[in-house]
Amino acid sequence: MLSRSLIRFPKGVRTFAKALPKTKQEWQKVLSTPAPNAPPAKGSKYAGMTVNAAYHLDALEPVRKDFKYLGKVFKDPRTIEAVKNGKGSTADFVNDMNVMFQASQASKDEMKSLEGKDKPAVLKALSKYSALSPLTAQLLGSFKDEGVIEEVPIIAAEVEKLIGKVLKEVNVEIVGAAPLSDKQKAQILSVIQKYVDSDSKLLMTEKTDTSLIAGFQLLIEDRFVDMSAKRSLDNLMSKIPA
């Protein structure tokens, strides 16, 4: 994965504190030096290298946003087919993806109003939207050159998980028999916080499942805690002879 001087970044491109590496040695360093807290990538070496570079170049958030979009786009077989059949250069491919990313931020009405207009007019209209970060553009070009574009959805999914680890995010899912009050949720999170690093960020989602009868279930990353009345009832029934 090396610097590509031919790739031009359109207006609206997001920037970050550190410039992209210029030499092979500089690229090797940012790609291979592990980001803190991130476990080794399991599904794709490209995911690990992406997160390493994003961390060292202060680009975690923009890269995270970019890969969420790319993961969805490249799940569509039509996108893969278009890339395979494309006759342009790698720079053309990356610039086209930038335009698609910008177009995804426009409203349906705005995109409809651009129908029939020439390419320069469309590009000018979309230039107000943010484009892929410079690092994402470089990596995307490398993925194409190395023939791994079809792996982008897998790479994107793992990038999301690894960035969450680097940022020390802890996903907490609360499933209650009834909607919990803000006070109840705060109490649950305060207890969980005692068992994770003090600087961890708890990300909570809530669901309701009336079959639980009462109480709640917790899914903290891959750890499951069942404090529902249904569990107590199931335990009781299992002890009653048939």
Protein backbone atom coordinates (compact mmCIF):
# COMPACT_ATOMS: atom_id res chain seq x y z
CA MET A 1 0.00 0.00 0.00
CA LEU A 2 1.91 3.01 -1.27
CA SER A 3 1.23 6.68 -1.84
CA ARG A 4 -0.62 7.48 -5.05
CA SER A 5 0.23 10.96 -6.33
CA LEU A 6 -2.20 10.64 -9.23
CA ILE A 7 -5.27 10.58 -6.98
CA ARG A 8 -6.78 14.03 -6.66
CA PHE A 9 -8.99 14.83 -3.73
CA PRO A 10 -12.10 16.84 -4.65
CA LYS A 11 -13.45 19.85 -2.82
CA GLY A 12 -15.14 18.94 0.42
CA VAL A 13 -12.56 16.29 1.27
CA ARG A 14 -12.00 15.86 4.99
CA THR A 15 -8.54 16.45 6.36
CA PHE A 16 -6.86 15.50 9.61
CA ALA A 17 -3.87 16.50 11.73
CA LYS A 18 -1.16 14.38 10.09
CA ALA A 19 -0.23 14.29 6.42
CA LEU A 20 -0.19 11.03 4.50
CA PRO A 21 3.14 9.18 4.35
CA LYS A 22 5.28 9.96 1.32
CA THR A 23 7.70 7.04 1.26
CA LYS A 24 7.40 3.27 1.30
CA GLN A 25 9.15 3.17 4.67
CA GLU A 26 6.71 5.71 6.18
CA TRP A 27 3.73 3.74 4.87
CA GLN A 28 5.18 0.51 6.26
CA LYS A 29 5.49 2.09 9.69
CA VAL A 30 1.92 3.42 9.98
CA LEU A 31 0.40 0.27 8.48
CA SER A 32 2.31 -2.21 10.62
CA THR A 33 2.58 -0.44 14.00
CA PRO A 34 -0.37 -1.77 16.06
CA ALA A 35 -2.95 0.68 17.33
CA PRO A 36 -3.41 0.49 21.13
CA ASN A 37 -6.14 -1.80 22.52
CA ALA A 38 -6.83 -3.36 19.13
CA PRO A 39 -6.59 -7.18 19.03
CA PRO A 40 -5.08 -8.83 15.94
CA ALA A 41 -7.43 -8.70 12.95
CA LYS A 42 -9.21 -12.03 12.49
CA GLY A 43 -10.96 -11.75 9.13
CA SER A 44 -8.62 -9.64 7.05
CA LYS A 45 -5.09 -8.30 7.38
CA TYR A 46 -6.28 -5.22 5.49
CA ALA A 47 -8.63 -4.30 8.33
CA GLY A 48 -5.78 -4.33 10.82
CA MET A 49 -3.56 -2.22 8.57
CA THR A 50 -6.40 0.22 7.94
CA VAL A 51 -7.00 0.78 11.66
CA ASN A 52 -3.28 1.03 12.41
CA ALA A 53 -2.86 3.76 9.80
CA ALA A 54 -6.06 5.54 10.85
CA TYR A 55 -4.87 5.68 14.44
CA HIS A 56 -1.37 6.92 13.69
CA LEU A 57 -2.68 9.54 11.24
CA ASP A 58 -5.43 10.78 13.60
CA ALA A 59 -8.12 9.67 11.18
CA LEU A 60 -10.14 7.09 13.13
CA GLU A 61 -13.50 8.87 12.94
CA PRO A 62 -13.43 9.83 9.23
CA VAL A 63 -12.17 6.38 8.25
CA ARG A 64 -14.87 4.78 10.38
CA LYS A 65 -17.57 6.79 8.61
CA ASP A 66 -16.08 6.02 5.19
CA PHE A 67 -15.91 2.27 5.75
CA LYS A 68 -19.48 2.10 7.04
CA TYR A 69 -20.52 3.50 3.67
CA LEU A 70 -18.13 1.36 1.63
CA GLY A 71 -19.20 -1.81 3.44
CA LYS A 72 -22.79 -1.24 2.32
CA VAL A 73 -21.94 -0.21 -1.25
CA PHE A 74 -19.69 -3.19 -1.96
CA LYS A 75 -22.25 -5.67 -0.69
CA ASP A 76 -24.12 -4.92 -3.90
CA PRO A 77 -22.91 -7.31 -6.65
CA ARG A 78 -23.60 -4.58 -9.20
CA THR A 79 -20.90 -2.42 -7.63
CA ILE A 80 -18.36 -5.24 -7.84
CA GLU A 81 -19.33 -5.95 -11.44
CA ALA A 82 -18.98 -2.27 -12.37
CA VAL A 83 -15.51 -2.14 -10.84
CA LYS A 84 -14.42 -5.30 -12.65
CA ASN A 85 -15.70 -4.04 -15.98
CA GLY A 86 -14.37 -0.52 -15.52
CA LYS A 87 -11.71 0.53 -17.99
CA GLY A 88 -10.43 3.59 -16.17
CA SER A 89 -7.36 3.91 -13.98
CA THR A 90 -7.18 3.34 -10.24
CA ALA A 91 -7.31 7.12 -9.78
CA ASP A 92 -10.50 7.24 -11.87
CA PHE A 93 -12.03 4.50 -9.71
CA VAL A 94 -11.21 6.31 -6.45
CA ASN A 95 -12.53 9.61 -7.76
CA ASP A 96 -15.74 7.91 -8.90
CA MET A 97 -16.16 6.44 -5.41
CA ASN A 98 -15.66 9.90 -3.95
CA VAL A 99 -18.46 11.24 -6.11
CA MET A 100 -20.73 8.35 -5.11
CA PHE A 101 -19.99 9.06 -1.46
CA GLN A 102 -20.88 12.71 -1.92
CA ALA A 103 -24.04 11.80 -3.81
CA SER A 104 -25.10 9.53 -0.94
CA GLN A 105 -25.29 12.62 1.28
CA ALA A 106 -27.60 14.55 -1.05
CA SER A 107 -31.38 14.35 -0.76
CA LYS A 108 -33.48 12.45 -3.28
CA ASP A 109 -34.98 15.71 -4.50
CA GLU A 110 -31.55 17.21 -5.07
CA MET A 111 -30.33 14.17 -6.98
CA LYS A 112 -33.48 14.25 -9.08
CA SER A 113 -32.84 17.91 -9.91
CA LEU A 114 -29.38 16.97 -11.20
CA GLU A 115 -30.72 14.44 -13.71
CA GLY A 116 -29.87 15.41 -17.25
CA LYS A 117 -27.17 17.89 -16.27
CA ASP A 118 -23.62 17.54 -17.58
CA LYS A 119 -20.88 16.02 -15.44
CA PRO A 120 -19.14 19.30 -14.49
CA ALA A 121 -22.44 20.72 -13.22
CA VAL A 122 -23.16 17.59 -11.18
CA LEU A 123 -19.65 17.56 -9.68
CA LYS A 124 -19.93 21.22 -8.78
CA ALA A 125 -23.30 20.68 -7.08
CA LEU A 126 -21.97 17.72 -5.06
CA SER A 127 -18.69 19.38 -4.08
CA LYS A 128 -20.35 20.93 -1.00
CA TYR A 129 -20.57 17.46 0.56
CA SER A 130 -17.65 15.74 2.29
CA ALA A 131 -15.67 13.25 0.25
CA LEU A 132 -13.77 10.18 1.37
CA SER A 133 -10.85 10.98 3.66
CA PRO A 134 -7.42 11.02 1.96
CA LEU A 135 -6.39 7.88 3.85
CA THR A 136 -9.51 5.98 2.78
CA ALA A 137 -8.91 7.03 -0.82
CA GLN A 138 -5.34 5.73 -0.69
CA LEU A 139 -6.40 2.43 0.87
CA LEU A 140 -9.29 1.96 -1.54
CA GLY A 141 -6.93 2.40 -4.47
CA SER A 142 -4.61 -0.20 -2.97
CA PHE A 143 -7.49 -2.63 -2.49
CA LYS A 144 -8.32 -2.32 -6.19
CA ASP A 145 -4.71 -2.77 -7.28
CA GLU A 146 -4.34 -5.84 -5.07
CA GLY A 147 -7.60 -7.40 -6.28
CA VAL A 148 -9.42 -7.46 -2.93
CA ILE A 149 -12.33 -5.13 -3.70
CA GLU A 150 -14.76 -8.02 -3.15
CA GLU A 151 -13.48 -8.27 0.43
CA VAL A 152 -14.42 -4.67 1.29
CA PRO A 153 -17.61 -5.65 3.21
CA ILE A 154 -15.55 -8.04 5.37
CA ILE A 155 -12.81 -5.46 5.81
CA ALA A 156 -15.36 -2.76 6.70
CA ALA A 157 -17.09 -4.91 9.33
CA GLU A 158 -13.79 -5.69 11.03
CA VAL A 159 -12.60 -2.08 10.79
CA GLU A 160 -15.72 -1.07 12.75
CA LYS A 161 -14.99 -3.63 15.48
CA LEU A 162 -11.30 -2.76 15.75
CA ILE A 163 -11.91 0.98 15.92
CA GLY A 164 -14.40 0.33 18.71
CA LYS A 165 -11.66 -1.52 20.60
CA VAL A 166 -9.13 1.27 20.02
CA LEU A 167 -11.61 3.85 21.32
CA LYS A 168 -12.40 1.53 24.28
CA GLU A 169 -16.09 1.35 23.44
CA VAL A 170 -18.16 -1.26 25.27
CA ASN A 171 -21.45 -2.22 23.64
CA VAL A 172 -24.23 -2.86 26.13
CA GLU A 173 -27.63 -4.20 25.05
CA ILE A 174 -30.40 -4.12 27.62
CA VAL A 175 -33.48 -6.23 26.93
CA GLY A 176 -36.25 -5.48 29.41
CA ALA A 177 -39.66 -6.98 29.99
CA ALA A 178 -40.91 -3.38 29.83
CA PRO A 179 -39.23 -0.10 28.90
CA LEU A 180 -36.79 0.96 31.62
CA SER A 181 -36.80 4.43 33.14
CA ASP A 182 -33.80 6.71 32.68
CA LYS A 183 -32.99 6.19 36.35
CA GLN A 184 -33.03 2.40 35.99
CA LYS A 185 -30.78 2.53 32.92
CA ALA A 186 -28.36 4.88 34.69
CA GLN A 187 -28.20 2.52 37.67
CA ILE A 188 -27.47 -0.48 35.43
CA LEU A 189 -24.74 1.39 33.54
CA SER A 190 -23.15 2.63 36.76
CA VAL A 191 -22.82 -0.98 37.94
CA ILE A 192 -21.36 -2.12 34.61
CA GLN A 193 -18.88 0.77 34.65
CA LYS A 194 -17.31 -0.69 37.79
CA TYR A 195 -16.29 -3.82 35.88
CA VAL A 196 -14.69 -2.16 32.85
CA ASP A 197 -11.78 0.26 32.50
CA SER A 198 -12.56 3.67 33.97
CA ASP A 199 -11.99 5.37 30.61
CA SER A 200 -14.22 2.96 28.67
CA LYS A 201 -17.19 4.40 26.83
CA LEU A 202 -20.44 2.48 27.32
CA LEU A 203 -22.67 2.43 24.23
CA MET A 204 -26.17 1.34 25.20
CA THR A 205 -29.02 0.04 23.09
CA GLU A 206 -32.38 -0.96 24.53
CA LYS A 207 -34.99 -3.50 23.45
CA THR A 208 -38.25 -4.73 24.95
CA ASP A 209 -39.28 -8.40 25.16
CA THR A 210 -42.52 -8.99 27.07
CA SER A 211 -41.83 -12.75 27.18
CA LEU A 212 -39.28 -12.04 29.92
CA ILE A 213 -42.24 -11.40 32.27
CA ALA A 214 -40.17 -9.09 34.49
CA GLY A 215 -36.56 -8.00 34.95
CA PHE A 216 -34.04 -7.72 32.15
CA GLN A 217 -31.20 -9.35 30.23
CA LEU A 218 -27.82 -7.79 29.51
CA LEU A 219 -25.45 -8.43 26.62
CA ILE A 220 -22.11 -6.77 27.38
CA GLU A 221 -20.00 -7.33 24.28
CA ASP A 222 -19.98 -11.17 24.23
CA ARG A 223 -21.01 -11.67 27.87
CA PHE A 224 -24.64 -12.51 28.64
CA VAL A 225 -26.34 -11.84 31.97
CA ASP A 226 -29.94 -12.98 32.53
CA MET A 227 -31.82 -11.33 35.40
CA SER A 228 -35.33 -11.91 34.09
CA ALA A 229 -38.29 -13.53 35.80
CA LYS A 230 -38.54 -15.93 32.85
CA ARG A 231 -35.17 -17.41 33.74
CA SER A 232 -36.26 -17.93 37.35
CA LEU A 233 -39.49 -19.55 36.15
CA ASP A 234 -37.64 -21.79 33.71
CA ASN A 235 -35.27 -22.89 36.47
CA LEU A 236 -38.17 -23.67 38.75
CA MET A 237 -40.05 -25.64 36.08
CA SER A 238 -36.93 -27.68 35.26
CA LYS A 239 -36.93 -28.98 38.83
CA ILE A 240 -40.54 -30.15 38.72
CA PRO A 241 -40.85 -33.82 37.68
CA ALA A 242 -42.68 -34.33 34.41
